[in-house]
């Protein structure tokens, strides 16, 4: 009797698992293309926020390299997109991250022209305090847009700090840590781009097959 009951319950659990797995697989197959399209659209929007489309004539998301470099943060790999104009290297769009935010990692996207000038910066992800540190978001304030047109003159460029530390960038009332972390991360990303610009454009393209 006990054996019969165990066999019956086992069969029910197996059937339930098969139905659940099949439902998940079917849902994934029906939504995968739509999710991929949404991700592509989101990426295109992020890239255009830091580098206007008129600055390049290639498909930006289809030309990239992946780099591991501490100047771009502690993650093992960061994606860098390459913008061309008339077949000439024109700008880099770099993903980078700083672990020095008040609430942890702050993810950024920074575009730099060949002459080292910043085309644009955006925070793409963070966990900073609402109403204080979240002013690094362009939806909350225009602070992040102040980087556009700036340049870094070297590691010792004292302008690249918040005003509380003697630099040129405003800090937020009650939230100095967050802007300090963003300023430092952008500075390092720009210095990285200035030094590695030609090497990055010489590297193999790993996004060529992007759909």
Protein backbone atom coordinates (compact mmCIF):
# COMPACT_ATOMS: atom_id res chain seq x y z
CA UNK A 1 0.00 0.00 0.00
CA UNK A 2 2.79 2.42 1.03
CA UNK A 3 4.80 1.54 -2.09
CA UNK A 4 1.79 2.17 -4.30
CA UNK A 5 1.20 5.55 -2.69
CA UNK A 6 4.86 6.57 -3.15
CA UNK A 7 4.76 5.53 -6.81
CA UNK A 8 1.58 7.54 -7.37
CA UNK A 9 2.99 10.65 -5.65
CA UNK A 10 6.23 10.31 -7.61
CA UNK A 11 4.33 10.20 -10.86
CA UNK A 12 2.35 13.30 -9.90
CA UNK A 13 5.53 15.21 -9.01
CA UNK A 14 7.20 14.14 -12.26
CA UNK A 15 4.20 15.26 -14.30
CA UNK A 16 4.09 18.59 -12.44
CA UNK A 17 7.81 19.15 -13.06
CA UNK A 18 7.44 18.36 -16.77
CA UNK A 19 4.48 20.72 -17.15
CA UNK A 20 6.29 23.51 -15.27
CA UNK A 21 9.50 23.08 -17.27
CA UNK A 22 7.57 23.00 -20.53
CA UNK A 23 5.65 26.15 -19.61
CA UNK A 24 8.85 28.03 -18.74
CA UNK A 25 10.53 26.88 -21.96
CA UNK A 26 7.52 27.89 -24.06
CA UNK A 27 7.30 31.30 -22.38
CA UNK A 28 11.01 31.87 -22.95
CA UNK A 29 10.80 30.94 -26.63
CA UNK A 30 7.82 33.26 -27.14
CA UNK A 31 9.39 36.26 -25.37
CA UNK A 32 13.13 35.86 -26.13
CA UNK A 33 13.02 37.83 -29.38
CA UNK A 34 11.00 40.64 -27.79
CA UNK A 35 13.35 40.81 -24.78
CA UNK A 36 16.39 40.93 -27.09
CA UNK A 37 14.80 43.76 -29.08
CA UNK A 38 14.04 45.71 -25.89
CA UNK A 39 17.62 45.22 -24.64
CA UNK A 40 18.98 46.43 -27.98
CA UNK A 41 16.72 49.49 -27.86
CA UNK A 42 17.77 50.26 -24.27
CA UNK A 43 21.45 49.97 -25.24
CA UNK A 44 20.97 52.27 -28.25
CA UNK A 45 19.25 54.86 -26.03
CA UNK A 46 22.03 54.72 -23.45
CA UNK A 47 24.75 55.11 -26.09
CA UNK A 48 23.00 58.07 -27.70
CA UNK A 49 22.67 59.80 -24.33
CA UNK A 50 26.45 60.11 -24.09
CA UNK A 51 27.32 60.33 -27.79
CA UNK A 52 24.97 62.02 -30.24
CA UNK A 53 24.30 59.91 -33.33
CA UNK A 54 25.63 62.60 -35.69
CA UNK A 55 29.12 62.01 -34.25
CA UNK A 56 29.48 58.59 -35.91
CA UNK A 57 28.37 56.66 -38.98
CA UNK A 58 28.89 53.03 -37.94
CA UNK A 59 26.49 50.81 -35.98
CA UNK A 60 27.93 51.55 -32.57
CA UNK A 61 26.58 48.51 -30.72
CA UNK A 62 28.16 46.25 -33.35
CA UNK A 63 31.71 47.44 -32.73
CA UNK A 64 33.22 46.85 -29.32
CA UNK A 65 36.08 45.41 -27.30
CA UNK A 66 36.05 43.95 -23.79
CA UNK A 67 38.71 45.15 -21.39
CA UNK A 68 39.82 44.26 -17.89
CA UNK A 69 41.56 47.26 -16.37
CA UNK A 70 41.44 48.62 -12.83
CA UNK A 71 41.05 52.15 -14.18
CA UNK A 72 37.55 51.11 -15.26
CA UNK A 73 36.68 49.61 -11.91
CA UNK A 74 36.86 46.29 -10.08
CA UNK A 75 34.79 44.22 -12.51
CA UNK A 76 36.76 41.62 -14.50
CA UNK A 77 35.43 42.85 -17.84
CA UNK A 78 34.02 46.10 -19.20
CA UNK A 79 32.58 46.72 -22.68
CA UNK A 80 33.93 49.62 -24.73
CA UNK A 81 32.11 50.67 -27.92
CA UNK A 82 34.03 52.27 -30.80
CA UNK A 83 32.59 55.10 -32.89
CA UNK A 84 33.87 55.78 -36.40
CA UNK A 85 33.30 58.78 -38.67
CA UNK A 86 34.28 58.44 -42.35
CA UNK A 87 36.11 55.20 -41.41
CA UNK A 88 38.30 57.05 -38.91
CA UNK A 89 38.35 56.41 -35.13
CA UNK A 90 36.23 59.14 -33.59
CA UNK A 91 35.20 58.32 -30.03
CA UNK A 92 35.03 55.63 -27.36
CA UNK A 93 32.01 54.85 -25.20
CA UNK A 94 33.15 53.06 -22.05
CA UNK A 95 31.27 51.20 -19.37
CA UNK A 96 32.95 51.59 -15.99
CA UNK A 97 32.06 51.27 -12.34
CA UNK A 98 33.11 52.77 -9.05
CA UNK A 99 32.72 50.78 -5.82
CA UNK A 100 33.05 54.00 -3.79
CA UNK A 101 29.42 55.07 -3.78
CA UNK A 102 27.65 55.61 -0.46
CA UNK A 103 25.57 52.47 -1.03
CA UNK A 104 27.96 50.46 -3.18
CA UNK A 105 28.68 50.25 -6.89
CA UNK A 106 27.79 53.08 -9.26
CA UNK A 107 27.76 52.05 -12.93
CA UNK A 108 28.62 54.67 -15.52
CA UNK A 109 28.81 55.19 -19.27
CA UNK A 110 31.35 57.76 -20.50
CA UNK A 111 32.07 58.83 -24.08
CA UNK A 112 35.42 60.39 -24.99
CA UNK A 113 36.48 61.91 -28.32
CA UNK A 114 39.87 61.22 -29.91
CA UNK A 115 41.23 64.50 -28.52
CA UNK A 116 40.36 63.41 -24.96
CA UNK A 117 37.33 65.67 -24.60
CA UNK A 118 34.28 64.19 -22.88
CA UNK A 119 31.24 63.81 -25.14
CA UNK A 120 28.90 62.78 -22.32
CA UNK A 121 28.50 60.86 -19.06
CA UNK A 122 25.51 59.03 -17.58
CA UNK A 123 24.96 56.90 -14.49
CA UNK A 124 23.31 53.67 -15.65
CA UNK A 125 22.80 51.94 -12.29
CA UNK A 126 23.20 52.80 -8.60
CA UNK A 127 21.75 52.24 -5.14
CA UNK A 128 22.36 55.74 -3.74
CA UNK A 129 20.02 57.40 -1.26
CA UNK A 130 16.84 58.81 -2.85
CA UNK A 131 16.73 62.59 -2.56
CA UNK A 132 20.47 62.85 -1.83
CA UNK A 133 22.92 60.74 -3.82
CA UNK A 134 20.48 59.94 -6.61
CA UNK A 135 21.05 63.44 -8.03
CA UNK A 136 23.77 61.83 -10.15
CA UNK A 137 20.86 60.58 -12.30
CA UNK A 138 20.00 62.87 -15.18
CA UNK A 139 16.31 62.32 -14.31
CA UNK A 140 16.92 63.91 -10.89
CA UNK A 141 19.27 66.79 -11.76
CA UNK A 142 21.50 68.09 -14.57
CA UNK A 143 24.67 67.63 -12.48
CA UNK A 144 25.96 64.73 -14.59
CA UNK A 145 25.74 66.87 -17.76
CA UNK A 146 28.47 69.19 -16.41
CA UNK A 147 31.10 66.68 -17.54
CA UNK A 148 30.32 67.26 -21.23
CA UNK A 149 33.09 69.25 -22.94
CA UNK A 150 35.53 68.74 -20.04
CA UNK A 151 39.03 67.34 -20.39
CA UNK A 152 41.54 65.84 -17.95
CA UNK A 153 45.01 67.36 -18.08
CA UNK A 154 46.69 64.52 -16.18
CA UNK A 155 46.60 62.46 -13.02
CA UNK A 156 47.43 65.57 -10.98
CA UNK A 157 44.67 67.73 -12.50
CA UNK A 158 43.37 69.29 -9.27
CA UNK A 159 40.15 70.48 -10.94
CA UNK A 160 38.92 66.89 -10.93
CA UNK A 161 37.46 66.84 -7.45
CA UNK A 162 34.35 68.16 -5.73
CA UNK A 163 34.53 71.75 -4.46
CA UNK A 164 34.75 70.52 -0.86
CA UNK A 165 38.07 68.90 -1.85
CA UNK A 166 39.29 71.94 -3.81
CA UNK A 167 37.99 70.90 -7.23
CA UNK A 168 35.48 72.34 -9.68
CA UNK A 169 32.50 69.99 -9.29
CA UNK A 170 29.60 70.73 -6.96
CA UNK A 171 28.84 68.27 -4.20
CA UNK A 172 25.29 67.66 -3.04
CA UNK A 173 24.04 68.92 0.30
CA UNK A 174 24.34 65.99 2.69
CA UNK A 175 25.81 63.68 0.05
CA UNK A 176 29.44 64.35 -0.82
CA UNK A 177 30.50 60.71 -1.12
CA UNK A 178 28.43 59.98 -4.22
CA UNK A 179 29.59 62.89 -6.44
CA UNK A 180 33.15 62.37 -5.21
CA UNK A 181 33.00 58.73 -6.36
CA UNK A 182 31.55 59.65 -9.76
CA UNK A 183 34.10 62.42 -10.39
CA UNK A 184 36.97 60.07 -9.54
CA UNK A 185 35.67 57.26 -11.74
CA UNK A 186 35.05 59.51 -14.75
CA UNK A 187 38.53 61.02 -14.37
CA UNK A 188 40.15 57.57 -14.43
CA UNK A 189 38.04 56.47 -17.42
CA UNK A 190 39.07 59.57 -19.38
CA UNK A 191 42.75 59.08 -18.54
CA UNK A 192 42.40 55.45 -19.64
CA UNK A 193 40.85 56.52 -22.96
CA UNK A 194 43.52 59.13 -23.59
CA UNK A 195 46.31 56.59 -23.13
CA UNK A 196 44.68 53.56 -24.78
CA UNK A 197 42.64 55.17 -27.59
CA UNK A 198 44.72 53.82 -30.50
CA UNK A 199 45.24 50.41 -28.87
CA UNK A 200 41.50 49.98 -28.33
CA UNK A 201 40.73 50.74 -31.97
CA UNK A 202 43.43 48.28 -33.04
CA UNK A 203 41.90 45.43 -31.02
CA UNK A 204 39.61 42.81 -32.67
CA UNK A 205 35.91 43.59 -32.76
CA UNK A 206 33.93 41.11 -30.65
CA UNK A 207 30.50 42.66 -31.35
CA UNK A 208 30.63 42.24 -35.11
CA UNK A 209 28.11 39.42 -34.99
CA UNK A 210 25.59 41.32 -32.88
CA UNK A 211 22.12 41.04 -34.38
